[in-house]
Every structure is written in structure tokens, then in C-alpha cells.
Amino acid sequence: MLIDVRSHSKALGFIVVVVLIDAISFGIILPVMPSLIMGLADVGLFEAARIGGYLMFTYAVMQFFAGPILGNLGDRFGRRPVLLFSLTALGLDYLLMGFAPSLFWLFLARMVAGVASSTFSIAYAYVTDITPQEKRAQRFGMVGAAFGGGFIFGPVIGGLLAEFGERVPFFVAAGLALLNVCYGYFVLGESLAHENRRPFQFVRANPVGAVMQLRKYPVVIGLAFAYFLYMIGHLSLPSTWTYYTIEKFAWSERQIGISLGFAGIFMILVQAFLIRWAIPALGAYRAGILGMIAIVIGFSGYAFAAQGWQLYPWLALAGISGFVTPSFQSIMTSQMPANAQGELQGALSSVNSITAIIGPLIMTQLFAVFTGPEAPFYFPGISFLAAALLTAVCLMIFIPVVRRYGLTNLGKKVVEN
């Protein structure tokens, strides 16, 4: 029998731990992906970057179709069963990658992961269920901080484990994901009350239908497009950081893991602590603007860094981008009814999937073109410069949409006269 945890203060802690462990398992594999791809395909770094982009493309295509279905299933049957399904499939994905004898098995594993990639969208829907509107941005920040915590420990652990073999991190990631299933099964209760559930409708559970439902909410559809551009740029970090630092600075897996862990530290500081001040003091609108400005500057810094140590101050500054997703989430969820929050997260999952289809392909192919033997000119930082420009365009959409609908003070404690 499922436990109704809507009134339990521990519910948020449960979901934060779920996201933390899941993020650790994801981060562990980042430092070793290039070497695994180069070994299986017998190619150089810039070709491995291309293949890495295709792997992310495969994952995103499957996520694009599965995300709305899982989100709508969450609105019908509750968040807990969908979350447990996703975590189980991710554990199997990491096992497949760890044992993969060829590139075919890597692509198969990414397909499995894409079908079940609803962990974070369900986590946001769960938090929405148990949180009053005025506290959502701060709690979304805590979920983001958990993801940042995973980025502290995951890549660092992955870089260290790589010394024992490039496949060892995958088996550890599988163990963590499956451990998370056990945790969720025995500890995590259901958050969605029966009166807030609705029938499953396929017309709303396909990616086109899910996004089309957002047309009823002009603020949401406008911000979803802005968020789409932001995420395309944001994906330049996970898709090209490892290749970029190896190519330009000859970094080892350990150095890559440490740098990503450093980024995770500032992500936690921002989303677990600073956002508690930023949203009440500035409101979701101004905090989002501040985060986007920081990432434009930070990504530009990555692109033009001359030495490896110069990346670290830009990583610290870009951590303020942790304001962006909670700000978008806070504004968009405020415009949706309780029985459509899962649908919203499923639609946003589809938006994320589209960006994950486009973003890694654009960023990895840009990197390959500008570092390969036929490059028009050598510029390994091209992906980060493109990301900065996309974020700037996102900012130019975000500002007028929020102002037009009078939501500039949402989440702010003291409303300006």
C-alpha cells in the first residue's frame, strides 16, 4: 500500500536523496566516455566526439517519445511507480554499457536509458505536489543542488575509478542506480493525491500533443521556447567538456573529474543556499536574468581560456546559472493546475529531449569541425561561444514574456509598489 507523504516534511529529503544518487551515477561515467569510445571504435579524439554526439542523439530521440508518456502516466498512477521504473532501467543501461563489446551495445544501452529518462521530470512533479507555490522555486533549487552534489562526487569518483579500468565506473554507476531503486521502494511514498489524478489520454501523451497542450497557457509556451534555446547551449558542457579539455589542455581523467566536481560545488552553493536568498529578495524573474547573464560570461570565458587553470574562475561564475531552471520552473508551474503538473513536466521533458537531440549534435560536430585536420581555423572553444550566444537570445525572449504577463515579482516576498 502506497504511503501518502503530502504532509510529511521528510518527503522532500527523500526525493533529494533519490536525485543525488542518480546524479552521482550519471556523473561517474563522464570522464571515461571518450576513452571507451576510442577503444571500441579505434578512432581519434575528434572522431570520438562525433560518435559521442550520436550516442546522445540516440538517447534524446527515445526520451522525446517516452517523456510525455511517462509524465502522463505519472498524472494517472502517481509519481512513485514511474520513478522506480526509470531508476531500474537506468541501472540496466549502465550494466549494458559496462559489458558493451562493441559500439552497437553502447547505442542499445542509450536507447534503454532514453525510454526511462524521467527521473528529474518526475522529481520536479513530485516536489510540485508537496510544495506550496511560494516555496517552489527554493525547493526546485534544492533538487538542482542535489544534482550538483552528484556532479561533485560523480565525476571525481569516475576519474579515480578510471585508474582501475575504463569500465569500472559503469558498474559502480549501475550499483548506485539499483541501490536507488531499493531506497525508493522502501522509503519513498506517493505524492499525488487520488483526487488530483486524471485518466490517461494518448492524445496528450505523445510529444506533439503534450507540447500543444501548453498553448492554453501563453506564458508557459513562450518560456518553453526560451528554455529550449537555453538548454541547447547548456548541453555544450556535458557533451564537449571532456573532449575540449583533453584536446586543448591534455587533461587526464582525474583532472576532468576534479574540474567537474569543482563546478558541482558551486552548483550546490547556488541552488542549496544562494537561491534561498535570491528568489525571496529578487523574485524568480530577476534571479533568472542574473543566472543567464552569468552563464553568457562564463561560457565565453571557457571558449577563450588560454591555460587550464583559467577555466576555474569561469566555472565558479557560471554556477550562478543554477538560478535559471528553478526560475523557469517556478513561473511555469504557477500557471498550471494541479492535475496537469505531470503533463507539464512531460512536455518539458520533450522540450529537453529535442534540445538533447539538437544540442549535442551541434556542439560535438562544431568541436570536430574546428579541431579536425580540415578545420577552417583551429578553435576548440567554438561550442562554448555558440552556447553563450544562444543563452543571450534566450534572455531576450525571457524578459518581454514575463513582463508582458505581469509576473516580474513572482516569488518575491516584498512586492514593489
Protein backbone atom coordinates (compact mmCIF):
# COMPACT_ATOMS: atom_id res chain seq x y z
CA MET A 1 0.00 0.00 0.00
CA LEU A 2 1.42 3.36 -1.01
CA ILE A 3 2.12 5.94 1.65
CA ASP A 4 0.67 9.41 1.24
CA VAL A 5 3.50 11.75 2.18
CA ARG A 6 1.96 15.09 1.24
CA SER A 7 2.05 16.29 4.82
CA HIS A 8 5.41 14.78 5.76
CA SER A 9 8.40 17.11 5.97
CA LYS A 10 10.70 14.18 5.17
CA ALA A 11 9.24 13.77 1.69
CA LEU A 12 11.47 16.47 0.22
CA GLY A 13 14.54 14.85 1.79
CA PHE A 14 13.59 11.54 0.19
CA ILE A 15 13.34 12.98 -3.31
CA VAL A 16 16.57 14.98 -2.90
CA VAL A 17 18.48 11.82 -2.00
CA VAL A 18 16.97 9.99 -4.98
CA VAL A 19 18.16 12.75 -7.33
CA LEU A 20 21.57 12.93 -5.62
CA ILE A 21 22.33 9.23 -6.05
CA ASP A 22 21.02 9.26 -9.61
CA ALA A 23 23.21 12.26 -10.48
CA ILE A 24 26.27 10.58 -8.95
CA SER A 25 25.70 7.51 -11.11
CA PHE A 26 25.40 9.75 -14.19
CA GLY A 27 28.49 11.83 -13.39
CA ILE A 28 30.72 8.82 -12.76
CA ILE A 29 30.78 7.85 -16.44
CA LEU A 30 31.58 11.29 -17.92
CA PRO A 31 35.41 11.23 -17.60
CA VAL A 32 35.77 7.80 -19.24
CA MET A 33 33.40 8.04 -22.22
CA PRO A 34 36.00 9.33 -24.71
CA SER A 35 38.50 6.56 -23.94
CA LEU A 36 35.77 3.88 -24.11
CA ILE A 37 34.55 5.16 -27.48
CA MET A 38 38.07 5.47 -28.88
CA GLY A 39 38.85 1.92 -27.75
CA LEU A 40 35.69 0.33 -29.19
CA ALA A 41 35.74 2.28 -32.47
CA ASP A 42 39.53 2.55 -32.86
CA VAL A 43 39.33 6.27 -33.68
CA GLY A 44 40.97 9.52 -32.59
CA LEU A 45 39.57 12.16 -30.26
CA PHE A 46 37.73 14.36 -32.75
CA GLU A 47 36.02 11.30 -34.31
CA ALA A 48 35.15 10.05 -30.82
CA ALA A 49 33.47 13.41 -30.19
CA ARG A 50 31.28 12.84 -33.25
CA ILE A 51 30.30 9.37 -32.04
CA GLY A 52 29.64 10.76 -28.56
CA GLY A 53 27.24 13.22 -30.13
CA TYR A 54 25.41 10.41 -31.94
CA LEU A 55 25.09 8.48 -28.66
CA MET A 56 23.48 11.49 -27.01
CA PHE A 57 21.28 11.91 -30.09
CA THR A 58 20.03 8.31 -29.74
CA TYR A 59 19.26 8.83 -26.06
CA ALA A 60 17.39 12.06 -26.76
CA VAL A 61 15.24 10.64 -29.57
CA MET A 62 13.99 7.87 -27.29
CA GLN A 63 13.43 10.39 -24.47
CA PHE A 64 11.47 12.65 -26.83
CA PHE A 65 8.81 9.99 -27.39
CA ALA A 66 8.86 8.40 -23.94
CA GLY A 67 8.94 11.54 -21.76
CA PRO A 68 5.32 12.68 -22.30
CA ILE A 69 4.03 9.11 -21.89
CA LEU A 70 5.78 8.72 -18.56
CA GLY A 71 4.70 12.19 -17.43
CA ASN A 72 1.07 11.43 -18.22
CA LEU A 73 1.34 8.02 -16.57
CA GLY A 74 2.58 9.89 -13.51
CA ASP A 75 -0.59 12.03 -13.58
CA ARG A 76 -2.68 8.86 -13.83
CA PHE A 77 -0.99 6.37 -11.48
CA GLY A 78 1.21 8.61 -9.32
CA ARG A 79 4.87 9.63 -9.33
CA ARG A 80 6.34 6.75 -7.35
CA PRO A 81 5.86 3.80 -9.79
CA VAL A 82 7.14 5.82 -12.75
CA LEU A 83 10.20 6.92 -10.78
CA LEU A 84 11.02 3.34 -9.72
CA PHE A 85 10.67 2.13 -13.32
CA SER A 86 13.06 4.82 -14.56
CA LEU A 87 15.70 4.05 -11.94
CA THR A 88 15.58 0.31 -12.69
CA ALA A 89 16.03 0.89 -16.42
CA LEU A 90 18.95 3.24 -15.80
CA GLY A 91 20.70 0.57 -13.74
CA LEU A 92 20.32 -1.86 -16.64
CA ASP A 93 21.62 0.81 -19.03
CA TYR A 94 24.87 1.21 -17.08
CA LEU A 95 25.34 -2.57 -16.93
CA LEU A 96 24.93 -2.80 -20.71
CA MET A 97 27.49 -0.03 -21.20
CA GLY A 98 29.92 -1.70 -18.80
CA PHE A 99 29.78 -5.01 -20.66
CA ALA A 100 29.48 -3.50 -24.17
CA PRO A 101 31.75 -5.41 -26.62
CA SER A 102 31.02 -3.00 -29.49
CA LEU A 103 29.53 0.38 -30.33
CA PHE A 104 26.21 -1.33 -31.14
CA TRP A 105 25.78 -2.24 -27.47
CA LEU A 106 26.56 1.31 -26.40
CA PHE A 107 23.81 2.59 -28.68
CA LEU A 108 21.41 -0.09 -27.41
CA ALA A 109 22.13 0.94 -23.82
CA ARG A 110 21.45 4.59 -24.63
CA MET A 111 18.10 3.59 -26.15
CA VAL A 112 17.13 1.84 -22.92
CA ALA A 113 18.14 4.90 -20.88
CA GLY A 114 16.20 7.24 -23.15
CA VAL A 115 12.97 5.27 -22.74
CA ALA A 116 13.19 5.60 -18.96
CA SER A 117 14.72 9.04 -18.61
CA SER A 118 12.00 10.61 -16.46
CA THR A 119 13.86 10.76 -13.14
CA PHE A 120 14.30 14.52 -12.98
CA SER A 121 10.97 15.47 -14.54
CA ILE A 122 9.12 13.20 -12.10
CA ALA A 123 11.22 14.64 -9.25
CA TYR A 124 10.07 18.16 -10.17
CA ALA A 125 6.44 16.99 -10.42
CA TYR A 126 6.81 15.30 -7.02
CA VAL A 127 8.14 18.49 -5.46
CA THR A 128 5.30 20.46 -7.04
CA ASP A 129 2.78 18.07 -5.45
CA ILE A 130 4.08 18.58 -1.91
CA THR A 131 5.08 22.26 -2.03
CA PRO A 132 3.01 25.47 -1.86
CA GLN A 133 3.54 27.89 -4.72
CA GLU A 134 5.54 30.44 -2.70
CA LYS A 135 8.18 27.85 -1.78
CA ARG A 136 8.54 26.02 -5.09
CA ALA A 137 11.49 27.95 -6.51
CA GLN A 138 13.56 27.34 -3.38
CA ARG A 139 12.69 23.65 -3.36
CA PHE A 140 13.38 23.29 -7.07
CA GLY A 141 16.74 24.79 -6.18
CA MET A 142 17.28 22.04 -3.60
CA VAL A 143 16.61 19.41 -6.27
CA GLY A 144 19.08 21.21 -8.51
CA ALA A 145 21.57 21.27 -5.65
CA ALA A 146 21.22 17.50 -5.31
CA PHE A 147 22.07 17.19 -8.98
CA GLY A 148 25.05 19.48 -8.34
CA GLY A 149 26.11 17.23 -5.48
CA GLY A 150 26.12 14.35 -7.89
CA PHE A 151 28.35 16.40 -10.16
CA ILE A 152 30.77 16.95 -7.29
CA PHE A 153 31.11 13.32 -6.34
CA GLY A 154 30.28 11.56 -9.61
CA PRO A 155 32.99 12.83 -11.97
CA VAL A 156 35.63 12.85 -9.21
CA ILE A 157 34.80 9.24 -8.34
CA GLY A 158 34.71 8.36 -12.04
CA GLY A 159 38.13 9.91 -12.63
CA LEU A 160 39.59 7.95 -9.71
CA LEU A 161 37.89 4.67 -10.66
CA ALA A 162 39.19 5.01 -14.23
CA GLU A 163 42.65 4.13 -12.89
CA PHE A 164 41.30 0.60 -12.28
CA GLY A 165 39.85 0.32 -15.79
CA GLU A 166 37.67 2.38 -18.10
CA ARG A 167 34.64 0.10 -17.50
CA VAL A 168 34.75 0.09 -13.69
CA PRO A 169 32.82 3.40 -13.37
CA PHE A 170 29.89 1.93 -15.32
CA PHE A 171 29.49 -0.98 -12.90
CA VAL A 172 29.63 1.37 -9.92
CA ALA A 173 27.04 3.61 -11.59
CA ALA A 174 24.77 0.57 -12.13
CA GLY A 175 25.11 -0.38 -8.48
CA LEU A 176 24.17 3.12 -7.33
CA ALA A 177 21.15 3.28 -9.65
CA LEU A 178 19.84 -0.09 -8.44
CA LEU A 179 20.53 0.91 -4.83
CA ASN A 180 18.35 3.93 -5.53
CA VAL A 181 15.53 1.60 -6.61
CA CYS A 182 15.68 -0.16 -3.24
CA TYR A 183 15.72 3.18 -1.43
CA GLY A 184 12.72 4.44 -3.37
CA TYR A 185 10.76 1.20 -2.96
CA PHE A 186 11.08 1.02 0.81
CA VAL A 187 11.24 4.72 1.75
CA LEU A 188 9.63 6.95 -0.86
CA GLY A 189 5.86 7.40 -0.57
CA GLU A 190 3.36 8.64 -3.15
CA SER A 191 2.87 12.40 -3.51
CA LEU A 192 -0.08 12.71 -5.87
CA ALA A 193 -3.49 12.58 -4.17
CA HIS A 194 -6.15 10.43 -5.89
CA GLU A 195 -8.44 13.43 -6.35
CA ASN A 196 -5.72 15.16 -8.40
CA ARG A 197 -5.24 12.26 -10.83
CA ARG A 198 -6.75 12.16 -14.28
CA PRO A 199 -7.34 9.50 -16.97
CA PHE A 200 -4.51 8.63 -19.32
CA GLN A 201 -5.12 10.05 -22.79
CA PHE A 202 -2.77 9.17 -25.61
CA VAL A 203 -3.59 12.38 -27.48
CA ARG A 204 -1.93 14.23 -24.56
CA ALA A 205 0.79 11.63 -24.02
CA ASN A 206 2.63 11.97 -27.34
CA PRO A 207 5.32 14.65 -27.63
CA VAL A 208 3.39 16.80 -30.11
CA GLY A 209 0.16 16.54 -28.12
CA ALA A 210 1.90 17.30 -24.83
CA VAL A 211 3.54 20.43 -26.19
CA MET A 212 0.32 21.50 -27.94
CA GLN A 213 -1.50 21.35 -24.59
CA LEU A 214 0.80 24.16 -23.43
CA ARG A 215 -0.79 26.50 -25.98
CA LYS A 216 -3.57 27.08 -23.46
CA TYR A 217 -1.01 28.83 -21.27
CA PRO A 218 0.72 31.63 -23.26
CA VAL A 219 3.33 32.30 -20.58
CA VAL A 220 4.30 28.63 -20.46
CA ILE A 221 4.64 28.18 -24.23
CA GLY A 222 6.70 31.36 -24.53
CA LEU A 223 9.02 30.39 -21.71
CA ALA A 224 9.26 26.81 -23.02
CA PHE A 225 10.72 28.18 -26.26
CA ALA A 226 13.20 30.37 -24.38
CA TYR A 227 14.16 27.40 -22.20
CA PHE A 228 14.62 25.35 -25.38
CA LEU A 229 17.34 27.74 -26.59
CA TYR A 230 18.94 27.88 -23.15
CA MET A 231 19.18 24.09 -22.93
CA ILE A 232 20.71 23.72 -26.40
CA GLY A 233 23.55 25.94 -25.24
CA HIS A 234 23.73 24.42 -21.76
CA LEU A 235 24.30 20.96 -23.25
CA SER A 236 27.66 22.10 -24.61
CA LEU A 237 29.18 21.40 -21.19
CA PRO A 238 28.33 17.69 -20.79
CA SER A 239 28.70 16.96 -24.50
CA THR A 240 32.09 18.60 -25.19
CA TRP A 241 33.84 19.45 -21.90
CA THR A 242 35.80 16.19 -21.73
CA TYR A 243 36.86 16.36 -25.39
CA TYR A 244 37.67 20.07 -25.14
CA THR A 245 39.92 19.78 -22.07
CA ILE A 246 41.75 16.77 -23.50
CA GLU A 247 42.27 18.49 -26.85
CA LYS A 248 43.30 21.93 -25.62
CA PHE A 249 44.98 21.21 -22.27
CA ALA A 250 45.79 17.46 -22.46
CA TRP A 251 43.92 16.81 -19.20
CA SER A 252 43.70 13.34 -17.68
CA GLU A 253 40.50 11.65 -16.47
CA ARG A 254 41.43 12.70 -12.93
CA GLN A 255 41.78 16.37 -13.91
CA ILE A 256 38.49 16.25 -15.83
CA GLY A 257 36.72 14.72 -12.84
CA ILE A 258 38.15 17.33 -10.47
CA SER A 259 37.06 20.19 -12.74
CA LEU A 260 33.50 18.88 -13.00
CA GLY A 261 33.46 18.32 -9.25
CA PHE A 262 34.54 21.95 -8.79
CA ALA A 263 31.63 23.05 -10.98
CA GLY A 264 29.30 20.89 -8.89
CA ILE A 265 30.44 22.59 -5.67
CA PHE A 266 29.34 25.98 -6.95
CA MET A 267 26.12 24.49 -8.32
CA ILE A 268 25.32 23.27 -4.80
CA LEU A 269 26.25 26.59 -3.18
CA VAL A 270 23.96 28.42 -5.57
CA GLN A 271 20.97 26.07 -5.59
CA ALA A 272 21.03 24.96 -1.95
CA PHE A 273 21.93 28.28 -0.32
CA LEU A 274 22.06 31.35 -2.56
CA ILE A 275 18.71 30.63 -4.20
CA ARG A 276 17.02 30.75 -0.79
CA TRP A 277 18.05 34.39 -0.68
CA ALA A 278 17.76 35.17 -4.38
CA ILE A 279 14.12 34.17 -5.03
CA PRO A 280 12.61 35.97 -1.99
CA ALA A 281 14.85 39.01 -2.46
CA LEU A 282 14.85 39.30 -6.26
CA GLY A 283 11.92 37.17 -7.41
CA ALA A 284 12.10 34.34 -9.96
CA TYR A 285 12.27 36.83 -12.85
CA ARG A 286 15.34 38.79 -11.73
CA ALA A 287 17.11 35.70 -10.40
CA GLY A 288 16.65 34.05 -13.81
CA ILE A 289 18.11 37.10 -15.56
CA LEU A 290 21.13 37.09 -13.24
CA GLY A 291 21.73 33.38 -13.91
CA MET A 292 21.59 33.81 -17.69
CA ILE A 293 23.99 36.76 -17.66
CA ALA A 294 26.43 34.72 -15.57
CA ILE A 295 26.37 31.82 -17.99
CA VAL A 296 26.89 34.06 -21.02
CA ILE A 297 30.05 35.43 -19.39
CA GLY A 298 31.18 32.03 -18.07
CA PHE A 299 30.80 30.17 -21.36
CA SER A 300 32.62 32.95 -23.19
CA GLY A 301 35.41 32.51 -20.66
CA TYR A 302 35.64 28.79 -21.39
CA ALA A 303 35.86 29.46 -25.11
CA PHE A 304 38.84 31.82 -24.88
CA ALA A 305 40.77 30.37 -21.91
CA ALA A 306 44.48 30.16 -22.77
CA GLN A 307 45.51 27.85 -19.90
CA GLY A 308 43.67 25.14 -18.00
CA TRP A 309 43.67 26.93 -14.63
CA GLN A 310 41.77 29.83 -16.20
CA LEU A 311 38.68 27.62 -16.54
CA TYR A 312 38.14 27.50 -12.79
CA PRO A 313 37.04 31.11 -12.14
CA TRP A 314 34.65 30.84 -15.09
CA LEU A 315 33.26 27.59 -13.69
CA ALA A 316 32.62 29.39 -10.39
CA LEU A 317 30.84 32.29 -12.08
CA ALA A 318 28.76 30.01 -14.32
CA GLY A 319 27.49 28.30 -11.17
CA ILE A 320 25.07 31.22 -10.80
CA SER A 321 23.25 29.68 -13.76
CA GLY A 322 21.73 27.46 -11.06
CA PHE A 323 19.11 30.21 -10.71
CA VAL A 324 17.82 29.64 -14.24
CA THR A 325 15.94 26.33 -14.14
CA PRO A 326 14.26 26.98 -10.75
CA SER A 327 13.17 30.38 -12.03
CA PHE A 328 11.66 28.93 -15.20
CA GLN A 329 10.03 26.10 -13.23
CA SER A 330 8.59 28.47 -10.62
CA ILE A 331 6.98 30.72 -13.21
CA MET A 332 5.67 27.92 -15.43
CA THR A 333 4.23 25.73 -12.64
CA SER A 334 2.39 28.76 -11.25
CA GLN A 335 0.34 28.84 -14.47
CA MET A 336 -0.72 25.15 -14.45
CA PRO A 337 -3.44 23.30 -12.46
CA ALA A 338 -2.51 20.53 -10.01
CA ASN A 339 -3.73 17.72 -12.27
CA ALA A 340 -1.54 18.88 -15.18
CA GLN A 341 1.81 19.27 -13.42
CA GLY A 342 2.98 15.85 -14.60
CA GLU A 343 1.88 16.74 -18.11
CA LEU A 344 3.85 19.99 -17.89
CA GLN A 345 6.96 18.13 -16.77
CA GLY A 346 6.41 15.55 -19.51
CA ALA A 347 6.13 18.33 -22.10
CA LEU A 348 9.26 19.98 -20.73
CA SER A 349 10.92 16.56 -20.88
CA SER A 350 10.07 16.52 -24.59
CA VAL A 351 11.49 20.03 -24.97
CA ASN A 352 14.63 18.85 -23.19
CA SER A 353 14.71 15.82 -25.47
CA ILE A 354 14.54 17.98 -28.59
CA THR A 355 17.40 20.08 -27.26
CA ALA A 356 19.29 16.90 -26.39
CA ILE A 357 18.75 15.72 -29.98
CA ILE A 358 19.93 19.00 -31.48
CA GLY A 359 22.37 20.33 -28.88
CA PRO A 360 24.97 17.55 -28.61
CA LEU A 361 24.98 17.07 -32.38
CA ILE A 362 25.58 20.77 -32.96
CA MET A 363 28.18 21.10 -30.21
CA THR A 364 30.14 17.91 -30.90
CA GLN A 365 30.10 18.47 -34.66
CA LEU A 366 31.26 22.07 -34.18
CA PHE A 367 34.09 20.80 -31.98
CA ALA A 368 35.04 18.14 -34.55
CA VAL A 369 34.93 20.60 -37.46
CA PHE A 370 37.10 23.20 -35.73
CA THR A 371 39.66 20.71 -34.34
CA GLY A 372 39.89 18.22 -37.22
CA PRO A 373 42.56 18.18 -39.96
CA GLU A 374 40.34 20.17 -42.36
CA ALA A 375 39.29 22.86 -39.88
CA PRO A 376 38.77 26.31 -41.46
CA PHE A 377 40.67 27.58 -38.41
CA TYR A 378 41.58 25.92 -35.12
CA PHE A 379 39.17 26.92 -32.35
CA PRO A 380 38.25 24.12 -29.87
CA GLY A 381 36.17 26.59 -27.80
CA ILE A 382 33.64 27.15 -30.61
CA SER A 383 30.90 25.15 -28.86
CA PHE A 384 31.04 27.29 -25.73
CA LEU A 385 30.93 30.51 -27.72
CA ALA A 386 27.83 29.20 -29.54
CA ALA A 387 26.27 28.35 -26.16
CA ALA A 388 26.87 31.89 -24.89
CA LEU A 389 25.12 33.35 -27.94
CA LEU A 390 22.11 31.02 -27.57
CA THR A 391 21.73 31.97 -23.91
CA ALA A 392 21.79 35.64 -24.84
CA VAL A 393 18.90 35.04 -27.26
CA CYS A 394 17.03 33.14 -24.53
CA LEU A 395 17.41 36.14 -22.24
CA MET A 396 15.98 38.46 -24.89
CA ILE A 397 12.85 36.27 -25.07
CA PHE A 398 12.50 35.65 -21.32
CA ILE A 399 12.39 39.34 -20.33
CA PRO A 400 9.48 40.54 -22.52
CA VAL A 401 7.37 37.37 -21.97
CA VAL A 402 7.49 37.62 -18.18
CA ARG A 403 6.97 41.39 -18.20
CA ARG A 404 4.02 41.15 -20.59
CA TYR A 405 2.06 38.95 -18.18
CA GLY A 406 2.97 40.84 -15.03
CA LEU A 407 4.95 38.05 -13.35
CA THR A 408 8.09 40.01 -12.54
CA ASN A 409 7.52 39.80 -8.78
CA LEU A 410 6.57 36.12 -8.58
CA GLY A 411 8.25 34.52 -5.57
CA LYS A 412 9.37 37.85 -4.13
CA LYS A 413 8.46 38.44 -0.50
CA VAL A 414 8.05 42.19 -0.73
CA VAL A 415 6.09 43.34 -3.77
CA GLU A 416 7.24 46.64 -5.21
CA ASN A 417 4.69 49.47 -5.40
